[in-house]
Amino acid sequence: MAQLQINTTQNVNINFTAASVGERLLAYLVDWVIKIAYIIVTYQIVFNLLKVEELVFGMDRWSQAAIYVSFYLPV
């Protein structure tokens, strides 16, 4: 692996080893698993357990979209 060296603004050298393609791919897949799990858990808690979808049903499309976006924005 390639050694990288970064000189910070405080003149501190940081040395680290770059990740391989396999490690990056694994990290990418782990990130997607976490995002999908967040979507599933949020949907189950907010829309099924707390029944927010019943409250959203009577609103106009823009208000519905704003509520959905606020819950799924971290993804």
N, C-alpha and C. Protein backbone atom coordinates (compact mmCIF):
# COMPACT_ATOMS: atom_id res chain seq x y z
N MET A 1 0.83 -1.19 0.00
CA MET A 1 0.00 0.00 0.00
C MET A 1 0.87 1.25 0.00
N ALA A 2 0.33 2.29 -0.54
CA ALA A 2 1.06 3.55 -0.62
C ALA A 2 0.96 4.31 0.70
N GLN A 3 2.10 4.81 1.12
CA GLN A 3 2.14 5.65 2.32
C GLN A 3 1.89 7.09 1.91
N LEU A 4 0.95 7.73 2.57
CA LEU A 4 0.65 9.13 2.28
C LEU A 4 1.08 9.98 3.46
N GLN A 5 1.56 11.17 3.16
CA GLN A 5 1.99 12.09 4.21
C GLN A 5 1.32 13.43 3.96
N ILE A 6 0.67 13.94 4.99
CA ILE A 6 -0.01 15.24 4.91
C ILE A 6 0.62 16.16 5.94
N ASN A 7 0.96 17.35 5.49
CA ASN A 7 1.49 18.37 6.39
C ASN A 7 0.34 19.33 6.72
N THR A 8 -0.07 19.38 7.98
CA THR A 8 -1.19 20.22 8.38
C THR A 8 -0.77 21.67 8.51
N THR A 9 -1.73 22.55 8.77
CA THR A 9 -1.44 23.98 8.91
C THR A 9 -0.62 24.27 10.16
N GLN A 10 -0.60 23.35 11.12
CA GLN A 10 0.21 23.52 12.32
C GLN A 10 1.58 22.85 12.18
N ASN A 11 1.96 22.52 10.96
CA ASN A 11 3.23 21.84 10.65
C ASN A 11 3.38 20.51 11.36
N VAL A 12 2.30 19.77 11.40
CA VAL A 12 2.32 18.41 11.95
C VAL A 12 2.18 17.46 10.77
N ASN A 13 3.08 16.52 10.67
CA ASN A 13 3.02 15.53 9.60
C ASN A 13 2.15 14.36 10.03
N ILE A 14 1.22 14.01 9.17
CA ILE A 14 0.35 12.86 9.41
C ILE A 14 0.67 11.83 8.35
N ASN A 15 1.06 10.65 8.79
CA ASN A 15 1.37 9.55 7.88
C ASN A 15 0.30 8.47 8.01
N PHE A 16 -0.19 8.00 6.89
CA PHE A 16 -1.14 6.90 6.92
C PHE A 16 -1.06 6.11 5.63
N THR A 17 -1.60 4.91 5.70
CA THR A 17 -1.61 4.01 4.56
C THR A 17 -2.95 4.12 3.84
N ALA A 18 -2.91 4.27 2.54
CA ALA A 18 -4.13 4.37 1.75
C ALA A 18 -4.86 3.03 1.74
N ALA A 19 -6.18 3.08 1.71
CA ALA A 19 -6.99 1.87 1.69
C ALA A 19 -6.94 1.23 0.31
N SER A 20 -7.03 -0.08 0.29
CA SER A 20 -7.05 -0.79 -0.99
C SER A 20 -8.44 -0.71 -1.60
N VAL A 21 -8.55 -1.17 -2.83
CA VAL A 21 -9.84 -1.15 -3.53
C VAL A 21 -10.85 -2.03 -2.80
N GLY A 22 -10.41 -3.18 -2.32
CA GLY A 22 -11.30 -4.08 -1.60
C GLY A 22 -11.83 -3.47 -0.31
N GLU A 23 -10.95 -2.79 0.41
CA GLU A 23 -11.37 -2.13 1.65
C GLU A 23 -12.36 -1.00 1.36
N ARG A 24 -12.13 -0.28 0.30
CA ARG A 24 -13.05 0.80 -0.07
C ARG A 24 -14.40 0.25 -0.50
N LEU A 25 -14.39 -0.84 -1.25
CA LEU A 25 -15.64 -1.46 -1.68
C LEU A 25 -16.42 -1.98 -0.48
N LEU A 26 -15.73 -2.61 0.44
CA LEU A 26 -16.39 -3.11 1.65
C LEU A 26 -16.98 -1.95 2.46
N ALA A 27 -16.25 -0.86 2.59
CA ALA A 27 -16.76 0.30 3.31
C ALA A 27 -17.98 0.89 2.62
N TYR A 28 -17.97 0.92 1.29
CA TYR A 28 -19.11 1.42 0.52
C TYR A 28 -20.35 0.55 0.77
N LEU A 29 -20.17 -0.76 0.77
CA LEU A 29 -21.29 -1.67 1.01
C LEU A 29 -21.81 -1.54 2.43
N VAL A 30 -20.92 -1.39 3.40
CA VAL A 30 -21.34 -1.20 4.79
C VAL A 30 -22.14 0.10 4.92
N ASP A 31 -21.71 1.15 4.25
CA ASP A 31 -22.45 2.41 4.27
C ASP A 31 -23.86 2.23 3.73
N TRP A 32 -24.00 1.50 2.63
CA TRP A 32 -25.33 1.29 2.06
C TRP A 32 -26.20 0.45 2.96
N VAL A 33 -25.63 -0.55 3.62
CA VAL A 33 -26.40 -1.37 4.56
C VAL A 33 -26.92 -0.50 5.71
N ILE A 34 -26.09 0.39 6.22
CA ILE A 34 -26.51 1.29 7.30
C ILE A 34 -27.62 2.22 6.81
N LYS A 35 -27.50 2.75 5.62
CA LYS A 35 -28.54 3.64 5.08
C LYS A 35 -29.87 2.92 4.91
N ILE A 36 -29.83 1.71 4.38
CA ILE A 36 -31.06 0.94 4.18
C ILE A 36 -31.67 0.57 5.52
N ALA A 37 -30.85 0.21 6.49
CA ALA A 37 -31.36 -0.10 7.83
C ALA A 37 -32.01 1.13 8.45
N TYR A 38 -31.42 2.31 8.25
CA TYR A 38 -32.01 3.55 8.77
C TYR A 38 -33.38 3.79 8.15
N ILE A 39 -33.49 3.59 6.85
CA ILE A 39 -34.78 3.80 6.18
C ILE A 39 -35.83 2.84 6.71
N ILE A 40 -35.48 1.58 6.88
CA ILE A 40 -36.43 0.59 7.37
C ILE A 40 -36.85 0.89 8.80
N VAL A 41 -35.89 1.18 9.66
CA VAL A 41 -36.21 1.46 11.07
C VAL A 41 -37.04 2.74 11.19
N THR A 42 -36.68 3.77 10.44
CA THR A 42 -37.44 5.02 10.48
C THR A 42 -38.87 4.79 10.02
N TYR A 43 -39.04 4.06 8.94
CA TYR A 43 -40.38 3.79 8.44
C TYR A 43 -41.20 3.01 9.46
N GLN A 44 -40.60 1.99 10.05
CA GLN A 44 -41.33 1.17 11.01
C GLN A 44 -41.73 1.96 12.24
N ILE A 45 -40.81 2.75 12.77
CA ILE A 45 -41.11 3.50 14.00
C ILE A 45 -42.05 4.66 13.73
N VAL A 46 -41.70 5.50 12.77
CA VAL A 46 -42.45 6.74 12.57
C VAL A 46 -43.79 6.49 11.88
N PHE A 47 -43.79 5.72 10.82
CA PHE A 47 -45.01 5.61 10.03
C PHE A 47 -45.90 4.45 10.45
N ASN A 48 -45.37 3.40 11.02
CA ASN A 48 -46.22 2.29 11.47
C ASN A 48 -46.55 2.40 12.96
N LEU A 49 -45.55 2.61 13.79
CA LEU A 49 -45.77 2.64 15.24
C LEU A 49 -46.45 3.93 15.69
N LEU A 50 -46.00 5.06 15.20
CA LEU A 50 -46.56 6.35 15.61
C LEU A 50 -47.72 6.80 14.72
N LYS A 51 -48.02 6.08 13.68
CA LYS A 51 -49.15 6.36 12.78
C LYS A 51 -49.09 7.75 12.16
N VAL A 52 -47.91 8.21 11.79
CA VAL A 52 -47.76 9.52 11.18
C VAL A 52 -48.37 9.53 9.78
N GLU A 53 -48.39 8.40 9.12
CA GLU A 53 -48.91 8.35 7.76
C GLU A 53 -50.40 8.71 7.72
N GLU A 54 -51.15 8.38 8.78
CA GLU A 54 -52.56 8.76 8.83
C GLU A 54 -52.71 10.28 8.93
N LEU A 55 -51.80 10.94 9.63
CA LEU A 55 -51.85 12.39 9.75
C LEU A 55 -51.44 13.06 8.44
N VAL A 56 -50.51 12.47 7.74
CA VAL A 56 -49.99 13.04 6.50
C VAL A 56 -51.00 12.87 5.36
N PHE A 57 -51.86 11.87 5.46
CA PHE A 57 -52.76 11.52 4.36
C PHE A 57 -53.66 12.68 3.94
N GLY A 58 -54.12 13.51 4.86
CA GLY A 58 -55.03 14.60 4.53
C GLY A 58 -54.35 15.87 4.06
N MET A 59 -53.05 15.90 4.01
CA MET A 59 -52.31 17.11 3.65
C MET A 59 -52.11 17.20 2.14
N ASP A 60 -51.74 18.41 1.69
CA ASP A 60 -51.43 18.57 0.27
C ASP A 60 -50.09 17.89 -0.04
N ARG A 61 -49.78 17.75 -1.33
CA ARG A 61 -48.60 17.00 -1.75
C ARG A 61 -47.29 17.62 -1.26
N TRP A 62 -47.22 18.96 -1.23
CA TRP A 62 -45.99 19.63 -0.80
C TRP A 62 -45.74 19.39 0.68
N SER A 63 -46.78 19.41 1.49
CA SER A 63 -46.63 19.16 2.92
C SER A 63 -46.23 17.71 3.17
N GLN A 64 -46.83 16.80 2.42
CA GLN A 64 -46.46 15.39 2.55
C GLN A 64 -44.99 15.19 2.20
N ALA A 65 -44.57 15.79 1.10
CA ALA A 65 -43.18 15.66 0.68
C ALA A 65 -42.24 16.25 1.72
N ALA A 66 -42.61 17.37 2.32
CA ALA A 66 -41.76 17.99 3.34
C ALA A 66 -41.61 17.09 4.56
N ILE A 67 -42.66 16.42 4.96
CA ILE A 67 -42.58 15.52 6.11
C ILE A 67 -41.73 14.30 5.78
N TYR A 68 -41.94 13.71 4.61
CA TYR A 68 -41.13 12.56 4.23
C TYR A 68 -39.66 12.92 4.11
N VAL A 69 -39.36 14.05 3.52
CA VAL A 69 -37.97 14.48 3.36
C VAL A 69 -37.33 14.73 4.72
N SER A 70 -38.07 15.29 5.67
CA SER A 70 -37.49 15.56 6.99
C SER A 70 -37.09 14.28 7.71
N PHE A 71 -37.83 13.20 7.48
CA PHE A 71 -37.47 11.93 8.13
C PHE A 71 -36.34 11.21 7.41
N TYR A 72 -36.29 11.33 6.08
CA TYR A 72 -35.30 10.59 5.32
C TYR A 72 -34.11 11.45 4.89
N LEU A 73 -34.02 12.67 5.38
CA LEU A 73 -32.94 13.57 4.98
C LEU A 73 -31.54 13.04 5.32
N PRO A 74 -31.33 12.38 6.46
CA PRO A 74 -29.98 11.89 6.74
C PRO A 74 -29.45 10.88 5.72
N VAL A 75 -30.32 10.24 4.98
CA VAL A 75 -29.88 9.27 3.99
C VAL A 75 -29.43 10.00 2.77
